PDB file of N, CA and C in Angstrom:
ATOM      1  N   UNK A   1      -9.779   8.523 -13.978  1.00  0.00           N
ATOM      2  CA  UNK A   1      -9.018   7.299 -13.745  1.00  0.00           C
ATOM      3  C   UNK A   1      -7.799   7.606 -12.881  1.00  0.00           C
ATOM      4  N   UNK A   2      -7.603   6.803 -11.900  1.00  0.00           N
ATOM      5  CA  UNK A   2      -6.484   6.975 -10.983  1.00  0.00           C
ATOM      6  C   UNK A   2      -5.222   6.362 -11.596  1.00  0.00           C
ATOM      7  N   UNK A   3      -4.130   7.112 -11.564  1.00  0.00           N
ATOM      8  CA  UNK A   3      -2.842   6.620 -12.047  1.00  0.00           C
ATOM      9  C   UNK A   3      -2.132   5.937 -10.883  1.00  0.00           C
ATOM     10  N   UNK A   4      -1.582   4.749 -11.111  1.00  0.00           N
ATOM     11  CA  UNK A   4      -0.875   4.034 -10.042  1.00  0.00           C
ATOM     12  C   UNK A   4       0.578   3.845 -10.407  1.00  0.00           C
ATOM     13  N   UNK A   5       1.418   3.833  -9.372  1.00  0.00           N
ATOM     14  CA  UNK A   5       2.846   3.567  -9.531  1.00  0.00           C
ATOM     15  C   UNK A   5       3.292   2.707  -8.351  1.00  0.00           C
ATOM     16  N   UNK A   6       4.255   1.851  -8.592  1.00  0.00           N
ATOM     17  CA  UNK A   6       4.759   0.959  -7.556  1.00  0.00           C
ATOM     18  C   UNK A   6       6.227   1.262  -7.304  1.00  0.00           C
ATOM     19  N   UNK A   7       6.545   1.550  -6.044  1.00  0.00           N
ATOM     20  CA  UNK A   7       7.911   1.845  -5.663  1.00  0.00           C
ATOM     21  C   UNK A   7       8.747   0.578  -5.544  1.00  0.00           C
ATOM     22  N   UNK A   8      10.070   0.713  -5.530  1.00  0.00           N
ATOM     23  CA  UNK A   8      10.953  -0.461  -5.448  1.00  0.00           C
ATOM     24  C   UNK A   8      10.804  -1.246  -4.151  1.00  0.00           C
ATOM     25  N   UNK A   9      10.511  -0.573  -3.040  1.00  0.00           N
ATOM     26  CA  UNK A   9      10.331  -1.270  -1.764  1.00  0.00           C
ATOM     27  C   UNK A   9       9.069  -2.126  -1.789  1.00  0.00           C
ATOM     28  N   UNK A  10       8.025  -1.617  -2.453  1.00  0.00           N
ATOM     29  CA  UNK A  10       6.791  -2.394  -2.574  1.00  0.00           C
ATOM     30  C   UNK A  10       7.033  -3.640  -3.413  1.00  0.00           C
ATOM     31  N   UNK A  11       7.674  -3.473  -4.546  1.00  0.00           N
ATOM     32  CA  UNK A  11       7.924  -4.607  -5.441  1.00  0.00           C
ATOM     33  C   UNK A  11       8.787  -5.669  -4.758  1.00  0.00           C
ATOM     34  N   UNK A  12       9.793  -5.227  -4.022  1.00  0.00           N
ATOM     35  CA  UNK A  12      10.672  -6.156  -3.308  1.00  0.00           C
ATOM     36  C   UNK A  12       9.896  -6.925  -2.238  1.00  0.00           C
ATOM     37  N   UNK A  13       9.056  -6.222  -1.481  1.00  0.00           N
ATOM     38  CA  UNK A  13       8.263  -6.863  -0.438  1.00  0.00           C
ATOM     39  C   UNK A  13       7.229  -7.817  -1.009  1.00  0.00           C
ATOM     40  N   UNK A  14       6.637  -7.452  -2.140  1.00  0.00           N
ATOM     41  CA  UNK A  14       5.618  -8.298  -2.760  1.00  0.00           C
ATOM     42  C   UNK A  14       6.231  -9.586  -3.314  1.00  0.00           C
ATOM     43  N   UNK A  15       7.436  -9.484  -3.863  1.00  0.00           N
ATOM     44  CA  UNK A  15       8.112 -10.673  -4.407  1.00  0.00           C
ATOM     45  C   UNK A  15       8.484 -11.673  -3.313  1.00  0.00           C
ATOM     46  N   UNK A  16       8.695 -11.200  -2.095  1.00  0.00           N
ATOM     47  CA  UNK A  16       9.087 -12.072  -0.985  1.00  0.00           C
ATOM     48  C   UNK A  16       7.939 -12.946  -0.486  1.00  0.00           C
ATOM     49  N   UNK A  17       6.699 -12.568  -0.781  1.00  0.00           N
ATOM     50  CA  UNK A  17       5.546 -13.329  -0.305  1.00  0.00           C
ATOM     51  C   UNK A  17       5.437 -14.624  -1.100  1.00  0.00           C
ATOM     52  N   UNK A  18       5.478 -15.743  -0.401  1.00  0.00           N
ATOM     53  CA  UNK A  18       5.388 -17.063  -1.040  1.00  0.00           C
ATOM     54  C   UNK A  18       3.963 -17.614  -1.027  1.00  0.00           C
ATOM     55  N   UNK A  19       3.170 -17.205  -0.056  1.00  0.00           N
ATOM     56  CA  UNK A  19       1.806 -17.692   0.107  1.00  0.00           C
ATOM     57  C   UNK A  19       0.891 -17.065  -0.956  1.00  0.00           C
ATOM     58  N   UNK A  20       0.333 -17.888  -1.839  1.00  0.00           N
ATOM     59  CA  UNK A  20      -0.502 -17.390  -2.930  1.00  0.00           C
ATOM     60  C   UNK A  20      -1.811 -16.772  -2.429  1.00  0.00           C
ATOM     61  N   UNK A  21      -2.358 -17.312  -1.347  1.00  0.00           N
ATOM     62  CA  UNK A  21      -3.586 -16.751  -0.783  1.00  0.00           C
ATOM     63  C   UNK A  21      -3.337 -15.328  -0.269  1.00  0.00           C
ATOM     64  N   UNK A  22      -2.180 -15.121   0.339  1.00  0.00           N
ATOM     65  CA  UNK A  22      -1.830 -13.797   0.845  1.00  0.00           C
ATOM     66  C   UNK A  22      -1.591 -12.822  -0.307  1.00  0.00           C
ATOM     67  N   UNK A  23      -0.962 -13.295  -1.382  1.00  0.00           N
ATOM     68  CA  UNK A  23      -0.756 -12.446  -2.556  1.00  0.00           C
ATOM     69  C   UNK A  23      -2.088 -12.013  -3.148  1.00  0.00           C
ATOM     70  N   UNK A  24      -3.041 -12.934  -3.189  1.00  0.00           N
ATOM     71  CA  UNK A  24      -4.371 -12.614  -3.703  1.00  0.00           C
ATOM     72  C   UNK A  24      -5.039 -11.570  -2.819  1.00  0.00           C
ATOM     73  N   UNK A  25      -4.880 -11.701  -1.518  1.00  0.00           N
ATOM     74  CA  UNK A  25      -5.459 -10.748  -0.574  1.00  0.00           C
ATOM     75  C   UNK A  25      -4.845  -9.359  -0.772  1.00  0.00           C
ATOM     76  N   UNK A  26      -3.538  -9.300  -1.007  1.00  0.00           N
ATOM     77  CA  UNK A  26      -2.872  -8.018  -1.248  1.00  0.00           C
ATOM     78  C   UNK A  26      -3.411  -7.388  -2.533  1.00  0.00           C
ATOM     79  N   UNK A  27      -3.584  -8.189  -3.576  1.00  0.00           N
ATOM     80  CA  UNK A  27      -4.117  -7.673  -4.844  1.00  0.00           C
ATOM     81  C   UNK A  27      -5.526  -7.122  -4.666  1.00  0.00           C
ATOM     82  N   UNK A  28      -6.350  -7.798  -3.848  1.00  0.00           N
ATOM     83  CA  UNK A  28      -7.705  -7.319  -3.582  1.00  0.00           C
ATOM     84  C   UNK A  28      -7.676  -5.977  -2.860  1.00  0.00           C
ATOM     85  N   UNK A  29      -6.747  -5.837  -1.912  1.00  0.00           N
ATOM     86  CA  UNK A  29      -6.641  -4.580  -1.166  1.00  0.00           C
ATOM     87  C   UNK A  29      -6.140  -3.452  -2.073  1.00  0.00           C
ATOM     88  N   UNK A  30      -5.270  -3.774  -3.023  1.00  0.00           N
ATOM     89  CA  UNK A  30      -4.805  -2.765  -3.980  1.00  0.00           C
ATOM     90  C   UNK A  30      -5.978  -2.279  -4.817  1.00  0.00           C
ATOM     91  N   UNK A  31      -6.821  -3.202  -5.259  1.00  0.00           N
ATOM     92  CA  UNK A  31      -8.013  -2.824  -6.024  1.00  0.00           C
ATOM     93  C   UNK A  31      -8.949  -1.954  -5.183  1.00  0.00           C
ATOM     94  N   UNK A  32      -9.062  -2.282  -3.895  1.00  0.00           N
ATOM     95  CA  UNK A  32      -9.896  -1.503  -2.970  1.00  0.00           C
ATOM     96  C   UNK A  32      -9.352  -0.072  -2.831  1.00  0.00           C
ATOM     97  N   UNK A  33      -8.032   0.055  -2.754  1.00  0.00           N
ATOM     98  CA  UNK A  33      -7.399   1.374  -2.635  1.00  0.00           C
ATOM     99  C   UNK A  33      -7.615   2.172  -3.913  1.00  0.00           C
ATOM    100  N   UNK A  34      -7.509   1.521  -5.063  1.00  0.00           N
ATOM    101  CA  UNK A  34      -7.704   2.216  -6.332  1.00  0.00           C
ATOM    102  C   UNK A  34      -9.139   2.745  -6.439  1.00  0.00           C
ATOM    103  N   UNK A  35     -10.100   1.973  -5.961  1.00  0.00           N
ATOM    104  CA  UNK A  35     -11.497   2.410  -6.000  1.00  0.00           C
ATOM    105  C   UNK A  35     -11.782   3.532  -5.019  1.00  0.00           C
ATOM    106  N   UNK A  36     -11.137   3.514  -3.855  1.00  0.00           N
ATOM    107  CA  UNK A  36     -11.328   4.538  -2.834  1.00  0.00           C
ATOM    108  C   UNK A  36      -9.972   4.840  -2.191  1.00  0.00           C
ATOM    109  N   UNK A  37      -9.211   5.793  -2.731  1.00  0.00           N
ATOM    110  CA  UNK A  37      -7.847   6.053  -2.257  1.00  0.00           C
ATOM    111  C   UNK A  37      -7.734   6.498  -0.801  1.00  0.00           C
ATOM    112  N   UNK A  38      -8.812   6.959  -0.201  1.00  0.00           N
ATOM    113  CA  UNK A  38      -8.734   7.446   1.174  1.00  0.00           C
ATOM    114  C   UNK A  38      -9.185   6.399   2.188  1.00  0.00           C
ATOM    115  N   UNK A  39      -9.149   5.123   1.805  1.00  0.00           N
ATOM    116  CA  UNK A  39      -9.605   4.043   2.683  1.00  0.00           C
ATOM    117  C   UNK A  39      -8.582   3.736   3.786  1.00  0.00           C
ATOM    118  N   UNK A  40      -7.312   3.954   3.551  1.00  0.00           N
ATOM    119  CA  UNK A  40      -6.267   3.621   4.523  1.00  0.00           C
ATOM    120  C   UNK A  40      -6.185   4.610   5.664  1.00  0.00           C
ATOM    121  N   UNK A  41      -5.489   4.186   6.705  1.00  0.00           N
ATOM    122  CA  UNK A  41      -5.291   5.026   7.895  1.00  0.00           C
ATOM    123  C   UNK A  41      -4.233   6.088   7.594  1.00  0.00           C
ATOM    124  N   UNK A  42      -4.546   7.373   7.794  1.00  0.00           N
ATOM    125  CA  UNK A  42      -3.546   8.411   7.556  1.00  0.00           C
ATOM    126  C   UNK A  42      -2.449   8.379   8.621  1.00  0.00           C
ATOM    127  N   UNK A  43      -1.219   8.524   8.186  1.00  0.00           N
ATOM    128  CA  UNK A  43      -0.075   8.508   9.099  1.00  0.00           C
ATOM    129  C   UNK A  43       0.218   9.921   9.604  1.00  0.00           C
ATOM    130  N   UNK A  44       0.976   9.993  10.699  1.00  0.00           N
ATOM    131  CA  UNK A  44       1.283  11.277  11.325  1.00  0.00           C
ATOM    132  C   UNK A  44       2.793  11.475  11.402  1.00  0.00           C
ATOM    133  N   UNK A  45       3.181  12.662  11.817  1.00  0.00           N
ATOM    134  CA  UNK A  45       4.556  13.065  12.081  1.00  0.00           C
ATOM    135  C   UNK A  45       5.435  12.912  10.845  1.00  0.00           C
ATOM    136  N   UNK A  46       6.486  12.136  10.893  1.00  0.00           N
ATOM    137  CA  UNK A  46       7.437  12.023   9.789  1.00  0.00           C
ATOM    138  C   UNK A  46       6.819  11.380   8.552  1.00  0.00           C
ATOM    139  N   UNK A  47       5.770  10.611   8.742  1.00  0.00           N
ATOM    140  CA  UNK A  47       5.134   9.909   7.622  1.00  0.00           C
ATOM    141  C   UNK A  47       3.858  10.587   7.163  1.00  0.00           C
ATOM    142  N   UNK A  48       3.702  11.851   7.512  1.00  0.00           N
ATOM    143  CA  UNK A  48       2.502  12.597   7.135  1.00  0.00           C
ATOM    144  C   UNK A  48       2.400  12.657   5.606  1.00  0.00           C
ATOM    145  N   UNK A  49       1.184  12.485   5.113  1.00  0.00           N
ATOM    146  CA  UNK A  49       0.958  12.489   3.672  1.00  0.00           C
ATOM    147  C   UNK A  49       0.868  11.087   3.089  1.00  0.00           C
ATOM    148  N   UNK A  50       1.137  10.080   3.920  1.00  0.00           N
ATOM    149  CA  UNK A  50       1.013   8.697   3.467  1.00  0.00           C
ATOM    150  C   UNK A  50      -0.126   8.031   4.227  1.00  0.00           C
ATOM    151  N   UNK A  51      -0.529   6.898   3.733  1.00  0.00           N
ATOM    152  CA  UNK A  51      -1.585   6.110   4.377  1.00  0.00           C
ATOM    153  C   UNK A  51      -1.147   4.663   4.449  1.00  0.00           C
ATOM    154  N   UNK A  52      -1.763   3.908   5.357  1.00  0.00           N
ATOM    155  CA  UNK A  52      -1.455   2.487   5.517  1.00  0.00           C
ATOM    156  C   UNK A  52      -2.735   1.682   5.588  1.00  0.00           C
ATOM    157  N   UNK A  53      -2.647   0.467   5.074  1.00  0.00           N
ATOM    158  CA  UNK A  53      -3.743  -0.484   5.156  1.00  0.00           C
ATOM    159  C   UNK A  53      -3.163  -1.774   5.717  1.00  0.00           C
ATOM    160  N   UNK A  54      -3.802  -2.322   6.727  1.00  0.00           N
ATOM    161  CA  UNK A  54      -3.308  -3.522   7.405  1.00  0.00           C
ATOM    162  C   UNK A  54      -3.832  -4.762   6.711  1.00  0.00           C
ATOM    163  N   UNK A  55      -2.913  -5.621   6.296  1.00  0.00           N
ATOM    164  CA  UNK A  55      -3.227  -6.918   5.714  1.00  0.00           C
ATOM    165  C   UNK A  55      -2.409  -7.916   6.518  1.00  0.00           C
ATOM    166  N   UNK A  56      -3.040  -8.556   7.483  1.00  0.00           N
ATOM    167  CA  UNK A  56      -2.323  -9.394   8.453  1.00  0.00           C
ATOM    168  C   UNK A  56      -1.361 -10.348   7.774  1.00  0.00           C
ATOM    169  N   UNK A  57      -0.119 -10.443   8.159  1.00  0.00           N
ATOM    170  CA  UNK A  57       0.640  -9.678   9.151  1.00  0.00           C
ATOM    171  C   UNK A  57       1.407  -8.510   8.533  1.00  0.00           C
ATOM    172  N   UNK A  58       1.004  -8.039   7.363  1.00  0.00           N
ATOM    173  CA  UNK A  58       1.727  -6.983   6.662  1.00  0.00           C
ATOM    174  C   UNK A  58       0.985  -5.656   6.713  1.00  0.00           C
ATOM    175  N   UNK A  59       1.723  -4.610   6.344  1.00  0.00           N
ATOM    176  CA  UNK A  59       1.144  -3.287   6.188  1.00  0.00           C
ATOM    177  C   UNK A  59       1.497  -2.791   4.795  1.00  0.00           C
ATOM    178  N   UNK A  60       0.504  -2.255   4.137  1.00  0.00           N
ATOM    179  CA  UNK A  60       0.674  -1.713   2.799  1.00  0.00           C
ATOM    180  C   UNK A  60       0.687  -0.198   2.910  1.00  0.00           C
ATOM    181  N   UNK A  61       1.811   0.399   2.587  1.00  0.00           N
ATOM    182  CA  UNK A  61       1.976   1.838   2.699  1.00  0.00           C
ATOM    183  C   UNK A  61       1.853   2.465   1.312  1.00  0.00           C
ATOM    184  N   UNK A  62       1.071   3.557   1.238  1.00  0.00           N
ATOM    185  CA  UNK A  62       0.901   4.232  -0.044  1.00  0.00           C
ATOM    186  C   UNK A  62       0.678   5.717   0.165  1.00  0.00           C
ATOM    187  N   UNK A  63       0.901   6.477  -0.891  1.00  0.00           N
ATOM    188  CA  UNK A  63       0.659   7.918  -0.876  1.00  0.00           C
ATOM    189  C   UNK A  63      -0.359   8.236  -1.959  1.00  0.00           C
ATOM    190  N   UNK A  64      -1.335   9.053  -1.605  1.00  0.00           N
ATOM    191  CA  UNK A  64      -2.354   9.486  -2.569  1.00  0.00           C
ATOM    192  C   UNK A  64      -2.161  10.972  -2.817  1.00  0.00           C
ATOM    193  N   UNK A  65      -1.831  11.303  -4.058  1.00  0.00           N
ATOM    194  CA  UNK A  65      -1.647  12.700  -4.447  1.00  0.00           C
ATOM    195  C   UNK A  65      -2.933  13.137  -5.147  1.00  0.00           C
ATOM    196  N   UNK A  66      -3.758  13.848  -4.400  1.00  0.00           N
ATOM    197  CA  UNK A  66      -5.090  14.207  -4.881  1.00  0.00           C
ATOM    198  C   UNK A  66      -5.033  15.131  -6.096  1.00  0.00           C
ATOM    199  N   UNK A  67      -4.115  16.085  -6.107  1.00  0.00           N
ATOM    200  CA  UNK A  67      -4.028  17.054  -7.203  1.00  0.00           C
ATOM    201  C   UNK A  67      -3.725  16.369  -8.539  1.00  0.00           C
ATOM    202  N   UNK A  68      -2.911  15.313  -8.492  1.00  0.00           N
ATOM    203  CA  UNK A  68      -2.538  14.597  -9.714  1.00  0.00           C
ATOM    204  C   UNK A  68      -3.391  13.348  -9.935  1.00  0.00           C
ATOM    205  N   UNK A  69      -4.258  13.032  -8.973  1.00  0.00           N
ATOM    206  CA  UNK A  69      -5.079  11.817  -9.007  1.00  0.00           C
ATOM    207  C   UNK A  69      -4.188  10.590  -9.202  1.00  0.00           C
ATOM    208  N   UNK A  70      -3.177  10.485  -8.326  1.00  0.00           N
ATOM    209  CA  UNK A  70      -2.157   9.449  -8.453  1.00  0.00           C
ATOM    210  C   UNK A  70      -1.956   8.728  -7.125  1.00  0.00           C
ATOM    211  N   UNK A  71      -1.799   7.410  -7.193  1.00  0.00           N
ATOM    212  CA  UNK A  71      -1.497   6.596  -6.019  1.00  0.00           C
ATOM    213  C   UNK A  71      -0.128   5.974  -6.226  1.00  0.00           C
ATOM    214  N   UNK A  72       0.744   6.141  -5.233  1.00  0.00           N
ATOM    215  CA  UNK A  72       2.075   5.534  -5.281  1.00  0.00           C
ATOM    216  C   UNK A  72       2.155   4.533  -4.139  1.00  0.00           C
ATOM    217  N   UNK A  73       2.306   3.261  -4.472  1.00  0.00           N
ATOM    218  CA  UNK A  73       2.454   2.224  -3.461  1.00  0.00           C
ATOM    219  C   UNK A  73       3.913   2.208  -3.024  1.00  0.00           C
ATOM    220  N   UNK A  74       4.151   2.592  -1.774  1.00  0.00           N
ATOM    221  CA  UNK A  74       5.496   2.800  -1.277  1.00  0.00           C
ATOM    222  C   UNK A  74       6.160   1.543  -0.747  1.00  0.00           C
ATOM    223  N   UNK A  75       5.424   0.749   0.016  1.00  0.00           N
ATOM    224  CA  UNK A  75       6.060  -0.418   0.618  1.00  0.00           C
ATOM    225  C   UNK A  75       5.067  -1.424   1.137  1.00  0.00           C
ATOM    226  N   UNK A  76       5.529  -2.640   1.240  1.00  0.00           N
ATOM    227  CA  UNK A  76       4.772  -3.730   1.836  1.00  0.00           C
ATOM    228  C   UNK A  76       5.737  -4.389   2.806  1.00  0.00           C
ATOM    229  N   UNK A  77       5.467  -4.251   4.090  1.00  0.00           N
ATOM    230  CA  UNK A  77       6.424  -4.746   5.076  1.00  0.00           C
ATOM    231  C   UNK A  77       5.692  -5.418   6.234  1.00  0.00           C
ATOM    232  N   UNK A  78       6.444  -6.243   6.954  1.00  0.00           N
ATOM    233  CA  UNK A  78       5.899  -6.959   8.099  1.00  0.00           C
ATOM    234  C   UNK A  78       5.653  -5.974   9.225  1.00  0.00           C
ATOM    235  N   UNK A  79       4.588  -6.195   9.958  1.00  0.00           N
ATOM    236  CA  UNK A  79       4.192  -5.297  11.035  1.00  0.00           C
ATOM    237  C   UNK A  79       5.304  -5.114  12.086  1.00  0.00           C
ATOM    238  N   UNK A  80       6.039  -6.165  12.405  1.00  0.00           N
ATOM    239  CA  UNK A  80       7.063  -6.095  13.436  1.00  0.00           C
ATOM    240  C   UNK A  80       8.345  -5.407  12.964  1.00  0.00           C
ATOM    241  N   UNK A  81       8.483  -5.138  11.674  1.00  0.00           N
ATOM    242  CA  UNK A  81       9.703  -4.519  11.134  1.00  0.00           C
ATOM    243  C   UNK A  81       9.525  -3.040  10.861  1.00  0.00           C
ATOM    244  N   UNK A  82       8.669  -2.396  11.590  1.00  0.00           N
ATOM    245  CA  UNK A  82       8.346  -0.998  11.356  1.00  0.00           C
ATOM    246  C   UNK A  82       9.450  -0.074  11.667  1.00  0.00           C
TER     247      UNK A  82
END
């Protein structure tokens, strides 16, 4: 079983979403990540070790620690605010 944790930036970004359809889509993508943690695009350079999944117009950033079998959801932010 994969252990999940949610960072403060993720929680703050998720609370800002007013559209219920978009919130449902984010929840579906979280379930998809839990089932297959390596589904997201691996990041490079300063963000190495993290992955991102695009949920228009947002990006869901997370880190998968394979040794601990743990997923940490780092942030949910607008694509233009990178």
